[in-house]
C-alpha atoms as a PDB file:
ATOM      1  CA  MET A   1      -0.086   0.002   0.143  1.00  0.00           C
ATOM      2  CA  PHE A   2       1.472   3.246  -1.234  1.00  0.00           C
ATOM      3  CA  LYS A   3       1.336   6.426   0.466  1.00  0.00           C
ATOM      4  CA  GLU A   4      -0.691   8.948  -1.390  1.00  0.00           C
ATOM      5  CA  SER A   5       2.078  11.465  -1.526  1.00  0.00           C
ATOM      6  CA  ALA A   6       4.273   8.161  -3.454  1.00  0.00           C
ATOM      7  CA  LEU A   7       1.518   7.266  -5.631  1.00  0.00           C
ATOM      8  CA  PRO A   8       2.928   9.363  -8.803  1.00  0.00           C
ATOM      9  CA  ALA A   9       6.313   7.832  -8.260  1.00  0.00           C
ATOM     10  CA  ALA A  10       4.715   4.157  -7.818  1.00  0.00           C
ATOM     11  CA  LEU A  11       2.443   4.902 -11.171  1.00  0.00           C
ATOM     12  CA  ALA A  12       5.816   6.234 -13.149  1.00  0.00           C
ATOM     13  CA  ALA A  13       8.158   2.990 -11.682  1.00  0.00           C
ATOM     14  CA  PRO A  14       7.244   0.236 -14.034  1.00  0.00           C
ATOM     15  CA  ASP A  15       7.644  -2.466 -11.246  1.00  0.00           C
ATOM     16  CA  THR A  16       4.642  -1.098  -9.233  1.00  0.00           C
ATOM     17  CA  ARG A  17       2.668   1.020 -12.105  1.00  0.00           C
ATOM     18  CA  SER A  18      -0.264  -1.976 -11.617  1.00  0.00           C
ATOM     19  CA  GLU A  19      -0.258  -1.883  -7.788  1.00  0.00           C
ATOM     20  CA  ALA A  20      -0.306   1.545  -7.769  1.00  0.00           C
ATOM     21  CA  PHE A  21      -3.174   2.113 -10.364  1.00  0.00           C
ATOM     22  CA  GLU A  22      -5.589  -0.554  -8.739  1.00  0.00           C
ATOM     23  CA  GLN A  23      -4.429   1.739  -5.207  1.00  0.00           C
ATOM     24  CA  MET A  24      -5.717   4.872  -6.924  1.00  0.00           C
ATOM     25  CA  VAL A  25      -8.952   3.343  -8.511  1.00  0.00           C
ATOM     26  CA  ARG A  26      -9.637   1.644  -5.031  1.00  0.00           C
ATOM     27  CA  MET A  27      -9.168   5.365  -3.452  1.00  0.00           C
ATOM     28  CA  TYR A  28     -10.260   7.580  -6.034  1.00  0.00           C
ATOM     29  CA  SER A  29     -13.464   5.592  -7.428  1.00  0.00           C
ATOM     30  CA  PRO A  30     -15.746   7.075  -5.188  1.00  0.00           C
ATOM     31  CA  ARG A  31     -15.032  10.363  -5.463  1.00  0.00           C
ATOM     32  CA  LEU A  32     -14.978  10.349  -9.142  1.00  0.00           C
ATOM     33  CA  TYR A  33     -18.083   8.650  -9.324  1.00  0.00           C
ATOM     34  CA  THR A  34     -19.663  11.663  -7.267  1.00  0.00           C
ATOM     35  CA  ALA A  35     -18.282  14.192  -9.590  1.00  0.00           C
ATOM     36  CA  ILE A  36     -19.350  12.366 -12.596  1.00  0.00           C
ATOM     37  CA  ARG A  37     -22.822  11.543 -11.309  1.00  0.00           C
ATOM     38  CA  HIS A  38     -23.284  15.810 -10.775  1.00  0.00           C
ATOM     39  CA  ILE A  39     -22.679  16.045 -14.255  1.00  0.00           C
ATOM     40  CA  VAL A  40     -24.320  12.333 -16.379  1.00  0.00           C
ATOM     41  CA  THR A  41     -27.651  11.985 -14.837  1.00  0.00           C
ATOM     42  CA  TRP A  42     -27.851   8.035 -14.730  1.00  0.00           C
ATOM     43  CA  HIS A  43     -25.818   5.438 -12.742  1.00  0.00           C
ATOM     44  CA  ASP A  44     -25.188   3.323 -15.420  1.00  0.00           C
ATOM     45  CA  ASP A  45     -23.541   6.420 -17.503  1.00  0.00           C
ATOM     46  CA  ALA A  46     -21.576   7.873 -14.621  1.00  0.00           C
ATOM     47  CA  ASP A  47     -20.168   3.879 -14.459  1.00  0.00           C
ATOM     48  CA  ASP A  48     -19.216   4.015 -18.265  1.00  0.00           C
ATOM     49  CA  VAL A  49     -17.674   6.896 -17.772  1.00  0.00           C
ATOM     50  CA  LEU A  50     -15.928   6.486 -14.903  1.00  0.00           C
ATOM     51  CA  GLN A  51     -14.220   3.548 -16.465  1.00  0.00           C
ATOM     52  CA  ASN A  52     -13.619   5.417 -19.864  1.00  0.00           C
ATOM     53  CA  THR A  53     -11.510   7.929 -17.112  1.00  0.00           C
ATOM     54  CA  TYR A  54      -9.588   4.711 -16.014  1.00  0.00           C
ATOM     55  CA  LEU A  55      -8.942   3.579 -19.725  1.00  0.00           C
ATOM     56  CA  ARG A  56      -7.581   7.011 -20.658  1.00  0.00           C
ATOM     57  CA  ALA A  57      -5.581   7.469 -17.237  1.00  0.00           C
ATOM     58  CA  TRP A  58      -3.853   4.292 -17.852  1.00  0.00           C
ATOM     59  CA  ARG A  59      -2.824   5.328 -21.360  1.00  0.00           C
ATOM     60  CA  ALA A  60      -1.867   8.566 -20.015  1.00  0.00           C
ATOM     61  CA  LEU A  61      -0.087   7.592 -17.333  1.00  0.00           C
ATOM     62  CA  ASP A  62       3.583   8.307 -18.927  1.00  0.00           C
ATOM     63  CA  SER A  63       2.824  11.245 -19.796  1.00  0.00           C
ATOM     64  CA  PHE A  64       1.442  12.036 -16.076  1.00  0.00           C
ATOM     65  CA  ARG A  65       4.605  14.329 -14.713  1.00  0.00           C
ATOM     66  CA  GLY A  66       3.522  14.111 -11.248  1.00  0.00           C
ATOM     67  CA  ASP A  67       3.415  17.837 -10.596  1.00  0.00           C
ATOM     68  CA  ALA A  68      -0.520  17.556 -10.131  1.00  0.00           C
ATOM     69  CA  ASN A  69      -1.824  15.585  -7.150  1.00  0.00           C
ATOM     70  CA  VAL A  70      -3.110  12.343  -8.769  1.00  0.00           C
ATOM     71  CA  TYR A  71      -6.525  12.978  -7.789  1.00  0.00           C
ATOM     72  CA  THR A  72      -6.346  16.643  -9.460  1.00  0.00           C
ATOM     73  CA  TRP A  73      -5.008  15.246 -12.907  1.00  0.00           C
ATOM     74  CA  LEU A  74      -8.147  12.100 -12.367  1.00  0.00           C
ATOM     75  CA  TYR A  75     -10.412  14.441 -11.852  1.00  0.00           C
ATOM     76  CA  ARG A  76      -9.895  16.482 -14.746  1.00  0.00           C
ATOM     77  CA  ILE A  77     -10.012  13.319 -16.761  1.00  0.00           C
ATOM     78  CA  ALA A  78     -13.277  12.618 -15.242  1.00  0.00           C
ATOM     79  CA  VAL A  79     -14.672  15.643 -16.003  1.00  0.00           C
ATOM     80  CA  ASN A  80     -13.421  15.842 -19.607  1.00  0.00           C
ATOM     81  CA  GLU A  81     -14.677  12.694 -20.328  1.00  0.00           C
ATOM     82  CA  SER A  82     -18.255  13.335 -18.758  1.00  0.00           C
ATOM     83  CA  ILE A  83     -18.411  16.731 -20.755  1.00  0.00           C
ATOM     84  CA  SER A  84     -17.355  14.543 -23.841  1.00  0.00           C
ATOM     85  CA  PHE A  85     -20.282  11.816 -23.358  1.00  0.00           C
ATOM     86  CA  VAL A  86     -23.029  14.667 -22.132  1.00  0.00           C
ATOM     87  CA  THR A  87     -21.812  16.201 -25.495  1.00  0.00           C
ATOM     88  CA  ARG A  88     -21.918  12.929 -27.503  1.00  0.00           C
ATOM     89  CA  THR A  89     -25.767  12.612 -25.710  1.00  0.00           C
ATOM     90  CA  MET A  90     -26.543  15.797 -27.203  1.00  0.00           C
ATOM     91  CA  LYS A  91     -25.597  15.694 -30.879  1.00  0.00           C
ATOM     92  CA  ASN A  92     -27.525  12.329 -30.813  1.00  0.00           C
ATOM     93  CA  SER A  93     -30.660  13.955 -30.147  1.00  0.00           C
ATOM     94  CA  ASP A  94     -32.685  12.236 -33.277  1.00  0.00           C
ATOM     95  CA  LEU A  95     -33.083   9.181 -31.004  1.00  0.00           C
ATOM     96  CA  PRO A  96     -36.369   9.453 -30.082  1.00  0.00           C
ATOM     97  CA  ASP A  97     -37.232  11.424 -26.902  1.00  0.00           C
ATOM     98  CA  VAL A  98     -38.416   9.600 -23.670  1.00  0.00           C
ATOM     99  CA  GLU A  99     -40.942  11.106 -21.817  1.00  0.00           C
ATOM    100  CA  PHE A 100     -40.365  13.377 -19.342  1.00  0.00           C
ATOM    101  CA  GLU A 101     -42.963  11.277 -16.601  1.00  0.00           C
ATOM    102  CA  ASP A 102     -40.338   8.308 -17.529  1.00  0.00           C
ATOM    103  CA  GLU A 103     -37.237   9.878 -16.638  1.00  0.00           C
ATOM    104  CA  VAL A 104     -38.790  11.392 -13.556  1.00  0.00           C
ATOM    105  CA  LYS A 105     -39.704   7.679 -12.389  1.00  0.00           C
ATOM    106  CA  ARG A 106     -36.588   6.170 -13.752  1.00  0.00           C
ATOM    107  CA  ILE A 107     -34.451   8.623 -11.094  1.00  0.00           C
ATOM    108  CA  GLU A 108     -37.231   7.517  -8.656  1.00  0.00           C
ATOM    109  CA  ALA A 109     -36.269   3.750  -9.105  1.00  0.00           C
ATOM    110  CA  ASP A 110     -32.295   4.433  -9.582  1.00  0.00           C
ATOM    111  CA  PRO A 111     -31.253   2.663  -6.402  1.00  0.00           C
ATOM    112  CA  TYR A 112     -28.219   4.952  -6.680  1.00  0.00           C
ATOM    113  CA  PHE A 113     -30.282   8.085  -6.355  1.00  0.00           C
ATOM    114  CA  ASP A 114     -29.884   9.021  -2.451  1.00  0.00           C
ATOM    115  CA  GLY A 115     -31.616  12.282  -2.514  1.00  0.00           C
ATOM    116  CA  ASP A 116     -34.802  13.485  -0.251  1.00  0.00           C
ATOM    117  CA  GLU A 117     -38.027  14.592  -1.940  1.00  0.00           C
ATOM    118  CA  LEU A 118     -36.526  18.065  -2.989  1.00  0.00           C
ATOM    119  CA  GLN A 119     -33.554  16.709  -4.517  1.00  0.00           C
ATOM    120  CA  LEU A 120     -35.821  14.383  -6.316  1.00  0.00           C
ATOM    121  CA  ARG A 121     -37.570  17.604  -7.311  1.00  0.00           C
ATOM    122  CA  LEU A 122     -34.359  19.429  -8.426  1.00  0.00           C
ATOM    123  CA  GLU A 123     -33.358  16.222 -10.754  1.00  0.00           C
ATOM    124  CA  ALA A 124     -36.730  16.527 -12.183  1.00  0.00           C
ATOM    125  CA  ALA A 125     -36.460  20.703 -12.505  1.00  0.00           C
ATOM    126  CA  ILE A 126     -33.144  19.461 -14.404  1.00  0.00           C
ATOM    127  CA  LEU A 127     -34.089  17.478 -16.754  1.00  0.00           C
ATOM    128  CA  THR A 128     -36.604  20.145 -18.282  1.00  0.00           C
ATOM    129  CA  LEU A 129     -33.983  22.332 -19.204  1.00  0.00           C
ATOM    130  CA  PRO A 130     -32.057  22.177 -22.965  1.00  0.00           C
ATOM    131  CA  ALA A 131     -28.988  19.590 -23.130  1.00  0.00           C
ATOM    132  CA  ARG A 132     -26.774  22.221 -22.581  1.00  0.00           C
ATOM    133  CA  GLN A 133     -28.721  24.478 -19.807  1.00  0.00           C
ATOM    134  CA  GLN A 134     -28.131  21.164 -18.416  1.00  0.00           C
ATOM    135  CA  LEU A 135     -24.561  21.015 -18.699  1.00  0.00           C
ATOM    136  CA  VAL A 136     -23.535  23.996 -17.640  1.00  0.00           C
ATOM    137  CA  PHE A 137     -25.910  24.221 -14.452  1.00  0.00           C
ATOM    138  CA  ARG A 138     -24.440  20.885 -13.423  1.00  0.00           C
ATOM    139  CA  LEU A 139     -20.972  22.139 -13.968  1.00  0.00           C
ATOM    140  CA  LYS A 140     -21.634  25.269 -12.057  1.00  0.00           C
ATOM    141  CA  TYR A 141     -24.246  24.555  -9.155  1.00  0.00           C
ATOM    142  CA  PHE A 142     -22.809  20.845  -8.481  1.00  0.00           C
ATOM    143  CA  GLU A 143     -19.091  21.283  -9.390  1.00  0.00           C
ATOM    144  CA  GLU A 144     -19.020  24.871  -8.599  1.00  0.00           C
ATOM    145  CA  ARG A 145     -16.711  25.430 -11.156  1.00  0.00           C
ATOM    146  CA  LYS A 146     -15.788  29.134 -12.447  1.00  0.00           C
ATOM    147  CA  TYR A 147     -17.354  30.468 -15.627  1.00  0.00           C
ATOM    148  CA  GLU A 148     -13.872  30.549 -16.898  1.00  0.00           C
ATOM    149  CA  GLU A 149     -12.874  26.968 -16.694  1.00  0.00           C
ATOM    150  CA  ILE A 150     -16.540  26.373 -17.927  1.00  0.00           C
ATOM    151  CA  SER A 151     -15.923  28.271 -20.663  1.00  0.00           C
ATOM    152  CA  GLN A 152     -12.306  26.161 -21.803  1.00  0.00           C
ATOM    153  CA  LEU A 153     -14.020  23.154 -21.231  1.00  0.00           C
ATOM    154  CA  LEU A 154     -17.156  23.935 -23.700  1.00  0.00           C
ATOM    155  CA  GLY A 155     -15.521  26.372 -25.890  1.00  0.00           C
ATOM    156  CA  VAL A 156     -18.362  28.915 -25.078  1.00  0.00           C
ATOM    157  CA  THR A 157     -18.075  32.500 -24.159  1.00  0.00           C
ATOM    158  CA  VAL A 158     -18.533  33.407 -20.784  1.00  0.00           C
ATOM    159  CA  GLY A 159     -20.889  35.755 -21.285  1.00  0.00           C
ATOM    160  CA  ALA A 160     -23.121  33.064 -23.271  1.00  0.00           C
ATOM    161  CA  LEU A 161     -22.400  30.666 -19.903  1.00  0.00           C
ATOM    162  CA  LYS A 162     -23.800  33.579 -17.844  1.00  0.00           C
ATOM    163  CA  ALA A 163     -26.917  33.602 -19.700  1.00  0.00           C
ATOM    164  CA  SER A 164     -27.279  30.388 -20.318  1.00  0.00           C
ATOM    165  CA  TYR A 165     -27.109  29.417 -16.479  1.00  0.00           C
ATOM    166  CA  HIS A 166     -28.940  32.781 -15.464  1.00  0.00           C
ATOM    167  CA  LEU A 167     -31.764  30.953 -17.872  1.00  0.00           C
ATOM    168  CA  ALA A 168     -31.790  27.710 -16.265  1.00  0.00           C
ATOM    169  CA  VAL A 169     -32.013  29.026 -12.640  1.00  0.00           C
ATOM    170  CA  LYS A 170     -34.863  31.329 -13.660  1.00  0.00           C
ATOM    171  CA  LYS A 171     -36.571  27.726 -14.964  1.00  0.00           C
ATOM    172  CA  ILE A 172     -35.841  25.671 -12.215  1.00  0.00           C
ATOM    173  CA  GLU A 173     -37.439  28.416  -9.967  1.00  0.00           C
ATOM    174  CA  GLN A 174     -40.403  28.637 -12.308  1.00  0.00           C
ATOM    175  CA  TYR A 175     -40.368  24.475 -12.035  1.00  0.00           C
ATOM    176  CA  PHE A 176     -40.417  25.145  -8.099  1.00  0.00           C
ATOM    177  CA  GLU A 177     -43.006  27.703  -8.028  1.00  0.00           C
ATOM    178  CA  GLU A 178     -45.837  25.579 -10.132  1.00  0.00           C
END
């Protein structure tokens, strides 16, 4: 078992790489899953994104310089993978739409959803938003990202993001008022 501070060196060394990677997966999976789930609505999708995160990390181990914390490095990969997943999903919007009520029932039935009634209502309100507003809202509200960072991640101006977030908040407020 490696100390967290020794993990970068263990990941870099060929003889300890596999063991260190396995430890890293055990250590960081719960936190990464939570971060991914804030961006990606469904458990199964979040699991897929988490797996893709680790695949990408494994392939990039040789380029990991160790000047950043391992979790910070993984978190960045996870957020990028999450955004890529959501963006791909938005582009495939020609798929048949699922009814809103079915989506809410899916959240309620999800064994990994541990929120209360208020959290369920918030998730339902978020589902009423257009996909881009959902993504911006989730990154800003749940992940507490700064507009400048979201701008870099999504390739959208800060002004457009602020407008999108503002509209999302207004729509969510309206949802709660109804």
